[in-house]
Structure formats: structure tokens, C-alpha cells
Amino acid sequence: MKVVFKHKSGRSELMNQREADILQKLKRGTYQTKDMQARPVTQEAGSVQHGATDEPIKKQTRKRQADKGTPE
């Protein structure tokens, strides 16, 4: 598998993972495979958290209490 090895000097080089692993153990730089790299967060995934809305928490609490019929 080909990986991008980044030398300590800042130079990047495409090489086999085996060669990059040896150079990394010799502390000549670092490399990452595609599955190790961070992916950007999509807008959909960020907004689907446990019923997240733009409504302030106090308004949500008042709505819940009104639905239950209990006074504040």
C-alpha cells in the first residue's frame, strides 16, 4: 500500500508502507494511511445529536411542562 511519508524537514514523499514504517521507527518522520486520517465532519452528522434544535433550553422546558400540564 502506498502512503505519504512526511520527513522532518517538511518534504512529503509517496512510498510503500513498509519503507515508511522503517523510516518512522528511525524517527525520520511520520506517515498516515487513509484509514488513520481524520475525516471532516459533515453538517448532517453534527446536527443529529439527540434531538438537537435551535430552540433555547428554557423554551424546551416550558414546552415540556405545558405538555405535561404541570405549572412552572
C-alpha atoms as a PDB file:
ATOM      1  CA  MET A   1       0.000   0.000   0.000  1.00  0.00           C
ATOM      2  CA  LYS A   2       1.329   3.448  -0.914  1.00  0.00           C
ATOM      3  CA  VAL A   3       1.385   6.120   1.803  1.00  0.00           C
ATOM      4  CA  VAL A   4       2.569   9.718   2.023  1.00  0.00           C
ATOM      5  CA  PHE A   5       5.613   9.940   4.292  1.00  0.00           C
ATOM      6  CA  LYS A   6       6.352  13.387   5.715  1.00  0.00           C
ATOM      7  CA  HIS A   7      10.032  13.879   6.514  1.00  0.00           C
ATOM      8  CA  LYS A   8      11.097  16.002   9.497  1.00  0.00           C
ATOM      9  CA  SER A   9      12.335  18.617   7.028  1.00  0.00           C
ATOM     10  CA  GLY A  10       8.749  19.001   5.774  1.00  0.00           C
ATOM     11  CA  ARG A  11       9.232  17.206   2.457  1.00  0.00           C
ATOM     12  CA  SER A  12       6.475  14.726   1.541  1.00  0.00           C
ATOM     13  CA  GLU A  13       7.161  11.569  -0.427  1.00  0.00           C
ATOM     14  CA  LEU A  14       4.941   8.766  -1.756  1.00  0.00           C
ATOM     15  CA  MET A  15       6.333   5.340  -0.779  1.00  0.00           C
ATOM     16  CA  ASN A  16       5.410   1.826   0.290  1.00  0.00           C
ATOM     17  CA  GLN A  17       4.024   1.452   3.802  1.00  0.00           C
ATOM     18  CA  ARG A  18       6.814  -0.972   4.739  1.00  0.00           C
ATOM     19  CA  GLU A  19       9.523   1.593   3.894  1.00  0.00           C
ATOM     20  CA  ALA A  20       7.607   4.372   5.660  1.00  0.00           C
ATOM     21  CA  ASP A  21       7.259   2.238   8.782  1.00  0.00           C
ATOM     22  CA  ILE A  22      11.018   1.657   8.905  1.00  0.00           C
ATOM     23  CA  LEU A  23      11.771   5.378   8.491  1.00  0.00           C
ATOM     24  CA  GLN A  24       9.229   6.266  11.176  1.00  0.00           C
ATOM     25  CA  LYS A  25      10.867   3.823  13.623  1.00  0.00           C
ATOM     26  CA  LEU A  26      14.203   5.516  12.873  1.00  0.00           C
ATOM     27  CA  LYS A  27      12.469   8.825  13.806  1.00  0.00           C
ATOM     28  CA  ARG A  28      12.993  10.330  10.353  1.00  0.00           C
ATOM     29  CA  GLY A  29       9.361  11.492  10.048  1.00  0.00           C
ATOM     30  CA  THR A  30       5.755  10.267  10.114  1.00  0.00           C
ATOM     31  CA  TYR A  31       3.154   8.734   7.842  1.00  0.00           C
ATOM     32  CA  GLN A  32      -0.555   8.004   7.953  1.00  0.00           C
ATOM     33  CA  THR A  33      -2.650   5.580   5.970  1.00  0.00           C
ATOM     34  CA  LYS A  34      -6.068   6.614   4.625  1.00  0.00           C
ATOM     35  CA  ASP A  35      -7.909   4.828   7.449  1.00  0.00           C
ATOM     36  CA  MET A  36      -5.803   6.653  10.088  1.00  0.00           C
ATOM     37  CA  GLN A  37      -6.537  10.150   8.751  1.00  0.00           C
ATOM     38  CA  ALA A  38      -9.250  12.347  10.232  1.00  0.00           C
ATOM     39  CA  ARG A  39     -12.303  12.994   8.083  1.00  0.00           C
ATOM     40  CA  PRO A  40     -14.183  16.295   8.065  1.00  0.00           C
ATOM     41  CA  VAL A  41     -17.473  16.284   9.974  1.00  0.00           C
ATOM     42  CA  THR A  42     -20.480  16.635   7.703  1.00  0.00           C
ATOM     43  CA  GLN A  43     -23.242  19.086   8.552  1.00  0.00           C
ATOM     44  CA  GLU A  44     -25.821  16.275   8.779  1.00  0.00           C
ATOM     45  CA  ALA A  45     -23.846  14.223  11.298  1.00  0.00           C
ATOM     46  CA  GLY A  46     -23.209  17.230  13.533  1.00  0.00           C
ATOM     47  CA  SER A  47     -26.855  18.308  13.794  1.00  0.00           C
ATOM     48  CA  VAL A  48     -28.446  14.920  14.510  1.00  0.00           C
ATOM     49  CA  GLN A  49     -27.355  14.770  18.140  1.00  0.00           C
ATOM     50  CA  HIS A  50     -30.136  13.569  20.453  1.00  0.00           C
ATOM     51  CA  GLY A  51     -32.917  15.765  19.098  1.00  0.00           C
ATOM     52  CA  ALA A  52     -30.805  18.899  18.907  1.00  0.00           C
ATOM     53  CA  THR A  53     -32.712  22.024  17.908  1.00  0.00           C
ATOM     54  CA  ASP A  54     -32.006  25.723  17.661  1.00  0.00           C
ATOM     55  CA  GLU A  55     -34.575  26.390  20.370  1.00  0.00           C
ATOM     56  CA  PRO A  56     -33.195  27.577  23.739  1.00  0.00           C
ATOM     57  CA  ILE A  57     -33.342  25.118  26.647  1.00  0.00           C
ATOM     58  CA  LYS A  58     -35.737  27.271  28.722  1.00  0.00           C
ATOM     59  CA  LYS A  59     -38.287  27.271  25.906  1.00  0.00           C
ATOM     60  CA  GLN A  60     -37.948  23.497  25.524  1.00  0.00           C
ATOM     61  CA  THR A  61     -38.511  23.054  29.286  1.00  0.00           C
ATOM     62  CA  ARG A  62     -41.593  25.277  29.234  1.00  0.00           C
ATOM     63  CA  LYS A  63     -42.981  23.329  26.288  1.00  0.00           C
ATOM     64  CA  ARG A  64     -42.494  20.012  28.099  1.00  0.00           C
ATOM     65  CA  GLN A  65     -44.139  21.332  31.263  1.00  0.00           C
ATOM     66  CA  ALA A  66     -47.062  22.707  29.244  1.00  0.00           C
ATOM     67  CA  ASP A  67     -47.463  19.336  27.530  1.00  0.00           C
ATOM     68  CA  LYS A  68     -47.491  17.556  30.901  1.00  0.00           C
ATOM     69  CA  GLY A  69     -49.870  20.108  32.402  1.00  0.00           C
ATOM     70  CA  THR A  70     -47.621  20.967  35.358  1.00  0.00           C
ATOM     71  CA  PRO A  71     -47.060  24.581  36.407  1.00  0.00           C
ATOM     72  CA  GLU A  72     -43.554  26.087  36.438  1.00  0.00           C
END
